[in-house]
Amino acid sequence: MAKIALMVGTVYGAAEYVAEQALPLLASFDHEVSFYNDAKLDNVLAFDADIWLVITSTTGDGDIPDNLFPFYLELQNRFPLLTGKRFAVVALGDSSYDTFCGAGEQFRSLLLELQGTELAPMLRIDAGETLEPETLALPWLEQCFSAV
């Protein structure tokens, strides 16, 4: 069993829907999950998760959604080292843009900079190819989190 902090960045609800679908899957592996739709760094740190899971869409020109951007800035500014913590990122985007999955890329880079260890390579889901991102995300999450 692991403690998982699940942070979501969403604009139109797709990333939030994927995260909501992930909750029962993660619980089925006896993981304790704390869901953050409007994450605050102090709350996430207080939960003391073993694994940070970020599920985020990309908006604008590779930008992090408004509900997750303040959390990203808190991480950047306060720079809490995540040594010994693992993380995973599910990024939703559209490959017709130059900044495909830019929000996920930014989070992945920052979490690596904070000395987190990537649990699995970032999952990039292309809205141009997949209308239901959960069909790709859930099997990936099952593979990543079933053995944790």
N, C-alpha and C. Protein backbone atom coordinates (compact mmCIF):
# COMPACT_ATOMS: atom_id res chain seq x y z
N MET A 1 0.83 -1.19 0.00
CA MET A 1 0.00 0.00 0.00
C MET A 1 0.87 1.24 0.00
N ALA A 2 0.47 2.21 -0.80
CA ALA A 2 1.19 3.48 -0.87
C ALA A 2 0.22 4.62 -0.63
N LYS A 3 0.76 5.73 -0.17
CA LYS A 3 -0.01 6.96 -0.06
C LYS A 3 0.26 7.76 -1.33
N ILE A 4 -0.82 8.12 -2.03
CA ILE A 4 -0.69 8.81 -3.30
C ILE A 4 -1.40 10.15 -3.23
N ALA A 5 -0.67 11.20 -3.56
CA ALA A 5 -1.26 12.54 -3.71
C ALA A 5 -1.56 12.73 -5.19
N LEU A 6 -2.82 12.93 -5.50
CA LEU A 6 -3.26 13.06 -6.89
C LEU A 6 -3.66 14.51 -7.16
N MET A 7 -2.82 15.19 -7.94
CA MET A 7 -3.07 16.58 -8.30
C MET A 7 -3.61 16.63 -9.73
N VAL A 8 -4.65 17.45 -9.94
CA VAL A 8 -5.30 17.52 -11.24
C VAL A 8 -5.28 18.94 -11.77
N GLY A 9 -4.95 19.05 -13.05
CA GLY A 9 -5.04 20.32 -13.75
C GLY A 9 -6.00 20.16 -14.91
N THR A 10 -7.10 20.92 -14.89
CA THR A 10 -8.12 20.72 -15.91
C THR A 10 -8.70 22.05 -16.37
N VAL A 11 -9.12 22.07 -17.62
CA VAL A 11 -9.78 23.25 -18.18
C VAL A 11 -11.22 22.92 -18.51
N TYR A 12 -11.42 21.89 -19.32
CA TYR A 12 -12.76 21.51 -19.75
C TYR A 12 -13.26 20.24 -19.07
N GLY A 13 -12.48 19.68 -18.14
CA GLY A 13 -12.95 18.55 -17.36
C GLY A 13 -12.39 17.20 -17.74
N ALA A 14 -11.68 17.08 -18.84
CA ALA A 14 -11.17 15.77 -19.27
C ALA A 14 -10.16 15.20 -18.28
N ALA A 15 -9.21 16.00 -17.84
CA ALA A 15 -8.21 15.52 -16.89
C ALA A 15 -8.87 15.17 -15.55
N GLU A 16 -9.83 15.97 -15.14
CA GLU A 16 -10.54 15.68 -13.89
C GLU A 16 -11.32 14.36 -14.01
N TYR A 17 -11.92 14.13 -15.16
CA TYR A 17 -12.65 12.88 -15.38
C TYR A 17 -11.70 11.69 -15.31
N VAL A 18 -10.54 11.80 -15.93
CA VAL A 18 -9.54 10.73 -15.87
C VAL A 18 -9.15 10.47 -14.41
N ALA A 19 -8.92 11.54 -13.67
CA ALA A 19 -8.53 11.39 -12.26
C ALA A 19 -9.64 10.73 -11.45
N GLU A 20 -10.87 11.12 -11.69
CA GLU A 20 -11.99 10.52 -10.97
C GLU A 20 -12.12 9.03 -11.29
N GLN A 21 -11.82 8.66 -12.53
CA GLN A 21 -11.85 7.25 -12.92
C GLN A 21 -10.67 6.49 -12.31
N ALA A 22 -9.59 7.19 -12.05
CA ALA A 22 -8.39 6.56 -11.47
C ALA A 22 -8.57 6.24 -9.99
N LEU A 23 -9.40 7.01 -9.30
CA LEU A 23 -9.55 6.83 -7.85
C LEU A 23 -9.95 5.41 -7.46
N PRO A 24 -11.02 4.83 -8.03
CA PRO A 24 -11.36 3.45 -7.64
C PRO A 24 -10.31 2.43 -8.06
N LEU A 25 -9.65 2.68 -9.17
CA LEU A 25 -8.58 1.78 -9.61
C LEU A 25 -7.45 1.76 -8.58
N LEU A 26 -7.00 2.93 -8.17
CA LEU A 26 -5.92 3.02 -7.18
C LEU A 26 -6.36 2.43 -5.84
N ALA A 27 -7.59 2.67 -5.46
CA ALA A 27 -8.12 2.11 -4.21
C ALA A 27 -8.18 0.59 -4.27
N SER A 28 -8.40 0.03 -5.45
CA SER A 28 -8.47 -1.43 -5.59
C SER A 28 -7.13 -2.09 -5.29
N PHE A 29 -6.05 -1.33 -5.33
CA PHE A 29 -4.73 -1.84 -4.97
C PHE A 29 -4.38 -1.49 -3.53
N ASP A 30 -5.38 -1.07 -2.76
CA ASP A 30 -5.23 -0.70 -1.35
C ASP A 30 -4.36 0.53 -1.13
N HIS A 31 -4.28 1.39 -2.13
CA HIS A 31 -3.55 2.64 -1.96
C HIS A 31 -4.47 3.67 -1.29
N GLU A 32 -3.88 4.50 -0.47
CA GLU A 32 -4.60 5.62 0.12
C GLU A 32 -4.36 6.84 -0.76
N VAL A 33 -5.42 7.39 -1.31
CA VAL A 33 -5.29 8.48 -2.27
C VAL A 33 -5.93 9.74 -1.71
N SER A 34 -5.20 10.84 -1.82
CA SER A 34 -5.75 12.15 -1.49
C SER A 34 -5.84 12.95 -2.79
N PHE A 35 -7.05 13.38 -3.13
CA PHE A 35 -7.35 14.03 -4.41
C PHE A 35 -7.31 15.54 -4.24
N TYR A 36 -6.54 16.22 -5.10
CA TYR A 36 -6.41 17.67 -5.02
C TYR A 36 -6.79 18.30 -6.37
N ASN A 37 -7.98 18.88 -6.42
CA ASN A 37 -8.41 19.60 -7.61
C ASN A 37 -7.94 21.04 -7.57
N ASP A 38 -7.65 21.53 -6.39
CA ASP A 38 -7.14 22.88 -6.18
C ASP A 38 -6.01 22.76 -5.16
N ALA A 39 -4.92 22.14 -5.59
CA ALA A 39 -3.82 21.75 -4.69
C ALA A 39 -3.14 22.95 -4.04
N LYS A 40 -2.85 22.79 -2.77
CA LYS A 40 -2.04 23.73 -2.00
C LYS A 40 -0.84 22.94 -1.48
N LEU A 41 0.34 23.50 -1.63
CA LEU A 41 1.55 22.78 -1.30
C LEU A 41 1.56 22.30 0.15
N ASP A 42 1.16 23.15 1.09
CA ASP A 42 1.16 22.73 2.50
C ASP A 42 0.27 21.52 2.73
N ASN A 43 -0.89 21.47 2.07
CA ASN A 43 -1.79 20.33 2.23
C ASN A 43 -1.19 19.06 1.65
N VAL A 44 -0.58 19.17 0.49
CA VAL A 44 0.04 18.00 -0.14
C VAL A 44 1.21 17.51 0.70
N LEU A 45 2.04 18.42 1.17
CA LEU A 45 3.18 18.01 2.01
C LEU A 45 2.71 17.40 3.32
N ALA A 46 1.65 17.93 3.90
CA ALA A 46 1.12 17.40 5.17
C ALA A 46 0.60 15.97 5.00
N PHE A 47 0.08 15.65 3.83
CA PHE A 47 -0.41 14.29 3.57
C PHE A 47 0.75 13.30 3.56
N ASP A 48 1.95 13.78 3.26
CA ASP A 48 3.17 12.97 3.28
C ASP A 48 3.04 11.73 2.39
N ALA A 49 2.70 11.96 1.13
CA ALA A 49 2.51 10.88 0.17
C ALA A 49 3.84 10.23 -0.20
N ASP A 50 3.77 8.95 -0.53
CA ASP A 50 4.91 8.23 -1.06
C ASP A 50 5.10 8.55 -2.53
N ILE A 51 3.97 8.80 -3.21
CA ILE A 51 3.98 9.03 -4.66
C ILE A 51 3.10 10.23 -4.98
N TRP A 52 3.60 11.09 -5.84
CA TRP A 52 2.82 12.20 -6.36
C TRP A 52 2.39 11.83 -7.77
N LEU A 53 1.09 11.93 -8.04
CA LEU A 53 0.54 11.65 -9.36
C LEU A 53 -0.10 12.94 -9.87
N VAL A 54 0.38 13.40 -11.01
CA VAL A 54 -0.17 14.61 -11.63
C VAL A 54 -0.88 14.19 -12.91
N ILE A 55 -2.15 14.55 -13.02
CA ILE A 55 -2.92 14.33 -14.24
C ILE A 55 -3.35 15.71 -14.70
N THR A 56 -2.83 16.13 -15.85
CA THR A 56 -3.10 17.50 -16.28
C THR A 56 -3.31 17.61 -17.78
N SER A 57 -4.23 18.48 -18.13
CA SER A 57 -4.38 18.86 -19.52
C SER A 57 -3.43 20.02 -19.78
N THR A 58 -3.34 20.41 -21.04
CA THR A 58 -2.52 21.55 -21.43
C THR A 58 -3.45 22.58 -22.05
N THR A 59 -3.22 23.83 -21.74
CA THR A 59 -4.06 24.89 -22.27
C THR A 59 -3.20 25.95 -22.94
N GLY A 60 -3.82 26.81 -23.73
CA GLY A 60 -3.09 27.91 -24.36
C GLY A 60 -1.91 27.42 -25.17
N ASP A 61 -0.77 28.03 -24.93
CA ASP A 61 0.45 27.70 -25.66
C ASP A 61 1.35 26.83 -24.78
N GLY A 62 0.83 25.66 -24.38
CA GLY A 62 1.60 24.76 -23.54
C GLY A 62 1.52 25.09 -22.07
N ASP A 63 0.47 25.78 -21.67
CA ASP A 63 0.35 26.27 -20.30
C ASP A 63 -0.32 25.27 -19.37
N ILE A 64 -0.04 25.45 -18.09
CA ILE A 64 -0.66 24.66 -17.02
C ILE A 64 -2.04 25.27 -16.74
N PRO A 65 -3.07 24.45 -16.58
CA PRO A 65 -4.41 24.99 -16.29
C PRO A 65 -4.42 25.87 -15.04
N ASP A 66 -5.34 26.82 -15.02
CA ASP A 66 -5.44 27.80 -13.94
C ASP A 66 -5.59 27.17 -12.55
N ASN A 67 -6.30 26.04 -12.46
CA ASN A 67 -6.52 25.46 -11.13
C ASN A 67 -5.26 24.78 -10.58
N LEU A 68 -4.28 24.49 -11.43
CA LEU A 68 -3.05 23.81 -10.99
C LEU A 68 -1.83 24.72 -11.01
N PHE A 69 -1.92 25.82 -11.74
CA PHE A 69 -0.76 26.71 -11.88
C PHE A 69 -0.26 27.29 -10.56
N PRO A 70 -1.14 27.72 -9.63
CA PRO A 70 -0.62 28.23 -8.35
C PRO A 70 0.19 27.17 -7.59
N PHE A 71 -0.21 25.92 -7.67
CA PHE A 71 0.54 24.84 -7.03
C PHE A 71 1.92 24.70 -7.66
N TYR A 72 1.97 24.77 -8.98
CA TYR A 72 3.24 24.71 -9.70
C TYR A 72 4.17 25.85 -9.26
N LEU A 73 3.60 27.06 -9.15
CA LEU A 73 4.40 28.21 -8.71
C LEU A 73 4.90 28.03 -7.28
N GLU A 74 4.05 27.48 -6.39
CA GLU A 74 4.47 27.21 -5.02
C GLU A 74 5.65 26.24 -5.00
N LEU A 75 5.57 25.21 -5.83
CA LEU A 75 6.68 24.25 -5.92
C LEU A 75 7.95 24.94 -6.38
N GLN A 76 7.83 25.75 -7.41
CA GLN A 76 8.99 26.47 -7.95
C GLN A 76 9.60 27.40 -6.91
N ASN A 77 8.75 28.15 -6.23
CA ASN A 77 9.23 29.17 -5.30
C ASN A 77 9.76 28.61 -3.99
N ARG A 78 9.09 27.61 -3.45
CA ARG A 78 9.50 27.06 -2.15
C ARG A 78 10.51 25.92 -2.30
N PHE A 79 10.50 25.26 -3.44
CA PHE A 79 11.47 24.24 -3.82
C PHE A 79 11.68 23.16 -2.76
N PRO A 80 10.61 22.47 -2.35
CA PRO A 80 10.77 21.39 -1.37
C PRO A 80 11.39 20.16 -2.05
N LEU A 81 12.51 19.72 -1.58
CA LEU A 81 13.15 18.56 -2.20
C LEU A 81 12.29 17.33 -2.00
N LEU A 82 12.15 16.56 -3.04
CA LEU A 82 11.33 15.36 -3.03
C LEU A 82 12.19 14.10 -3.01
N THR A 83 13.35 14.20 -2.44
CA THR A 83 14.26 13.06 -2.37
C THR A 83 13.54 11.89 -1.70
N GLY A 84 13.58 10.73 -2.35
CA GLY A 84 12.92 9.55 -1.82
C GLY A 84 11.46 9.43 -2.22
N LYS A 85 10.92 10.45 -2.85
CA LYS A 85 9.52 10.41 -3.32
C LYS A 85 9.50 10.04 -4.81
N ARG A 86 8.49 9.29 -5.17
CA ARG A 86 8.31 8.94 -6.57
C ARG A 86 7.15 9.77 -7.13
N PHE A 87 7.12 9.89 -8.45
CA PHE A 87 6.04 10.62 -9.09
C PHE A 87 5.73 10.01 -10.45
N ALA A 88 4.54 10.33 -10.93
CA ALA A 88 4.11 9.95 -12.27
C ALA A 88 3.27 11.08 -12.82
N VAL A 89 3.33 11.24 -14.14
CA VAL A 89 2.58 12.32 -14.80
C VAL A 89 1.80 11.74 -15.97
N VAL A 90 0.52 12.08 -16.01
CA VAL A 90 -0.33 11.80 -17.17
C VAL A 90 -0.64 13.15 -17.78
N ALA A 91 -0.23 13.34 -19.04
CA ALA A 91 -0.40 14.62 -19.71
C ALA A 91 -1.37 14.48 -20.87
N LEU A 92 -2.37 15.35 -20.89
CA LEU A 92 -3.32 15.39 -21.98
C LEU A 92 -3.00 16.60 -22.84
N GLY A 93 -3.01 16.40 -24.14
CA GLY A 93 -2.70 17.50 -25.04
C GLY A 93 -3.19 17.20 -26.44
N ASP A 94 -2.77 18.04 -27.37
CA ASP A 94 -3.16 17.91 -28.77
C ASP A 94 -1.90 18.06 -29.61
N SER A 95 -1.54 17.00 -30.33
CA SER A 95 -0.28 17.00 -31.06
C SER A 95 -0.27 17.95 -32.26
N SER A 96 -1.39 18.57 -32.58
CA SER A 96 -1.38 19.56 -33.65
C SER A 96 -0.75 20.88 -33.18
N TYR A 97 -0.47 20.99 -31.88
CA TYR A 97 0.20 22.17 -31.33
C TYR A 97 1.67 21.87 -31.10
N ASP A 98 2.51 22.89 -31.25
CA ASP A 98 3.95 22.73 -31.03
C ASP A 98 4.27 22.36 -29.59
N THR A 99 3.42 22.77 -28.68
CA THR A 99 3.66 22.55 -27.25
C THR A 99 2.84 21.37 -26.74
N PHE A 100 2.83 20.28 -27.49
CA PHE A 100 2.07 19.08 -27.15
C PHE A 100 2.40 18.63 -25.73
N CYS A 101 1.37 18.53 -24.90
CA CYS A 101 1.50 18.10 -23.50
C CYS A 101 2.47 18.98 -22.71
N GLY A 102 2.47 20.26 -23.04
CA GLY A 102 3.40 21.20 -22.40
C GLY A 102 3.25 21.30 -20.89
N ALA A 103 2.02 21.24 -20.39
CA ALA A 103 1.82 21.32 -18.93
C ALA A 103 2.44 20.12 -18.24
N GLY A 104 2.23 18.94 -18.79
CA GLY A 104 2.84 17.74 -18.23
C GLY A 104 4.35 17.79 -18.29
N GLU A 105 4.88 18.28 -19.40
CA GLU A 105 6.33 18.40 -19.55
C GLU A 105 6.91 19.34 -18.48
N GLN A 106 6.22 20.45 -18.23
CA GLN A 106 6.69 21.40 -17.21
C GLN A 106 6.69 20.76 -15.83
N PHE A 107 5.61 20.04 -15.51
CA PHE A 107 5.54 19.39 -14.20
C PHE A 107 6.60 18.32 -14.06
N ARG A 108 6.77 17.51 -15.08
CA ARG A 108 7.77 16.45 -15.05
C ARG A 108 9.16 17.04 -14.81
N SER A 109 9.50 18.08 -15.54
CA SER A 109 10.82 18.72 -15.39
C SER A 109 11.02 19.26 -13.98
N LEU A 110 9.98 19.92 -13.44
CA LEU A 110 10.10 20.49 -12.10
C LEU A 110 10.23 19.39 -11.05
N LEU A 111 9.45 18.34 -11.15
CA LEU A 111 9.53 17.25 -10.17
C LEU A 111 10.89 16.55 -10.22
N LEU A 112 11.46 16.43 -11.41
CA LEU A 112 12.82 15.89 -11.52
C LEU A 112 13.84 16.84 -10.89
N GLU A 113 13.66 18.13 -11.12
CA GLU A 113 14.54 19.14 -10.54
C GLU A 113 14.47 19.13 -9.01
N LEU A 114 13.29 18.79 -8.49
CA LEU A 114 13.10 18.70 -7.03
C LEU A 114 13.61 17.36 -6.48
N GLN A 115 14.26 16.59 -7.33
CA GLN A 115 14.90 15.32 -6.98
C GLN A 115 13.90 14.20 -6.74
N GLY A 116 12.70 14.30 -7.33
CA GLY A 116 11.76 13.19 -7.31
C GLY A 116 12.22 12.13 -8.29
N THR A 117 11.76 10.91 -8.10
CA THR A 117 12.11 9.79 -8.97
C THR A 117 10.89 9.40 -9.78
N GLU A 118 11.06 9.36 -11.08
CA GLU A 118 9.95 9.05 -11.97
C GLU A 118 9.58 7.57 -11.85
N LEU A 119 8.34 7.31 -11.52
CA LEU A 119 7.84 5.95 -11.38
C LEU A 119 7.76 5.25 -12.73
N ALA A 120 7.38 6.00 -13.76
CA ALA A 120 7.28 5.50 -15.13
C ALA A 120 7.41 6.69 -16.06
N PRO A 121 7.83 6.46 -17.30
CA PRO A 121 7.88 7.57 -18.25
C PRO A 121 6.50 8.22 -18.39
N MET A 122 6.50 9.52 -18.56
CA MET A 122 5.26 10.28 -18.64
C MET A 122 4.36 9.74 -19.75
N LEU A 123 3.08 9.61 -19.44
CA LEU A 123 2.09 9.20 -20.43
C LEU A 123 1.56 10.45 -21.12
N ARG A 124 1.70 10.48 -22.44
CA ARG A 124 1.18 11.59 -23.25
C ARG A 124 -0.05 11.09 -24.01
N ILE A 125 -1.17 11.75 -23.82
CA ILE A 125 -2.41 11.35 -24.48
C ILE A 125 -2.81 12.45 -25.45
N ASP A 126 -2.95 12.08 -26.71
CA ASP A 126 -3.24 13.01 -27.79
C ASP A 126 -4.74 13.09 -28.06
N ALA A 127 -5.32 14.25 -27.81
CA ALA A 127 -6.75 14.45 -28.04
C ALA A 127 -7.11 14.30 -29.51
N GLY A 128 -6.15 14.46 -30.39
CA GLY A 128 -6.40 14.29 -31.81
C GLY A 128 -6.56 12.83 -32.21
N GLU A 129 -6.11 11.93 -31.35
CA GLU A 129 -6.21 10.50 -31.63
C GLU A 129 -7.16 9.76 -30.71
N THR A 130 -7.38 10.30 -29.52
CA THR A 130 -8.17 9.61 -28.50
C THR A 130 -9.22 10.55 -27.92
N LEU A 131 -10.49 10.21 -28.13
CA LEU A 131 -11.56 11.04 -27.60
C LEU A 131 -11.86 10.73 -26.14
N GLU A 132 -11.47 9.54 -25.68
CA GLU A 132 -11.70 9.14 -24.30
C GLU A 132 -10.35 8.82 -23.65
N PRO A 133 -9.69 9.83 -23.07
CA PRO A 133 -8.34 9.64 -22.55
C PRO A 133 -8.23 8.57 -21.47
N GLU A 134 -9.34 8.30 -20.77
CA GLU A 134 -9.29 7.28 -19.72
C GLU A 134 -9.00 5.89 -20.29
N THR A 135 -9.32 5.66 -21.57
CA THR A 135 -9.06 4.35 -22.17
C THR A 135 -7.57 4.06 -22.28
N LEU A 136 -6.76 5.10 -22.32
CA LEU A 136 -5.30 4.94 -22.32
C LEU A 136 -4.72 5.10 -20.91
N ALA A 137 -5.29 6.03 -20.16
CA ALA A 137 -4.74 6.34 -18.84
C ALA A 137 -4.93 5.21 -17.84
N LEU A 138 -6.11 4.60 -17.80
CA LEU A 138 -6.38 3.58 -16.79
C LEU A 138 -5.48 2.35 -16.93
N PRO A 139 -5.27 1.79 -18.12
CA PRO A 139 -4.33 0.67 -18.22
C PRO A 139 -2.90 1.06 -17.83
N TRP A 140 -2.50 2.28 -18.18
CA TRP A 140 -1.16 2.76 -17.82
C TRP A 140 -1.04 2.88 -16.30
N LEU A 141 -2.06 3.45 -15.67
CA LEU A 141 -2.05 3.58 -14.22
C LEU A 141 -2.06 2.22 -13.54
N GLU A 142 -2.83 1.28 -14.09
CA GLU A 142 -2.86 -0.07 -13.53
C GLU A 142 -1.47 -0.70 -13.58
N GLN A 143 -0.81 -0.55 -14.71
CA GLN A 143 0.54 -1.10 -14.84
C GLN A 143 1.51 -0.45 -13.86
N CYS A 144 1.42 0.85 -13.70
CA CYS A 144 2.34 1.59 -12.82
C CYS A 144 2.09 1.30 -11.34
N PHE A 145 0.81 1.23 -10.96
CA PHE A 145 0.48 1.23 -9.53
C PHE A 145 0.07 -0.13 -8.96
N SER A 146 -0.06 -1.14 -9.78
CA SER A 146 -0.46 -2.45 -9.26
C SER A 146 0.65 -3.10 -8.45
N ALA A 147 1.88 -2.80 -8.79
CA ALA A 147 3.02 -3.44 -8.10
C ALA A 147 3.67 -2.55 -7.06
N VAL A 148 3.12 -1.38 -6.84
CA VAL A 148 3.72 -0.43 -5.90
C VAL A 148 3.36 -0.82 -4.48
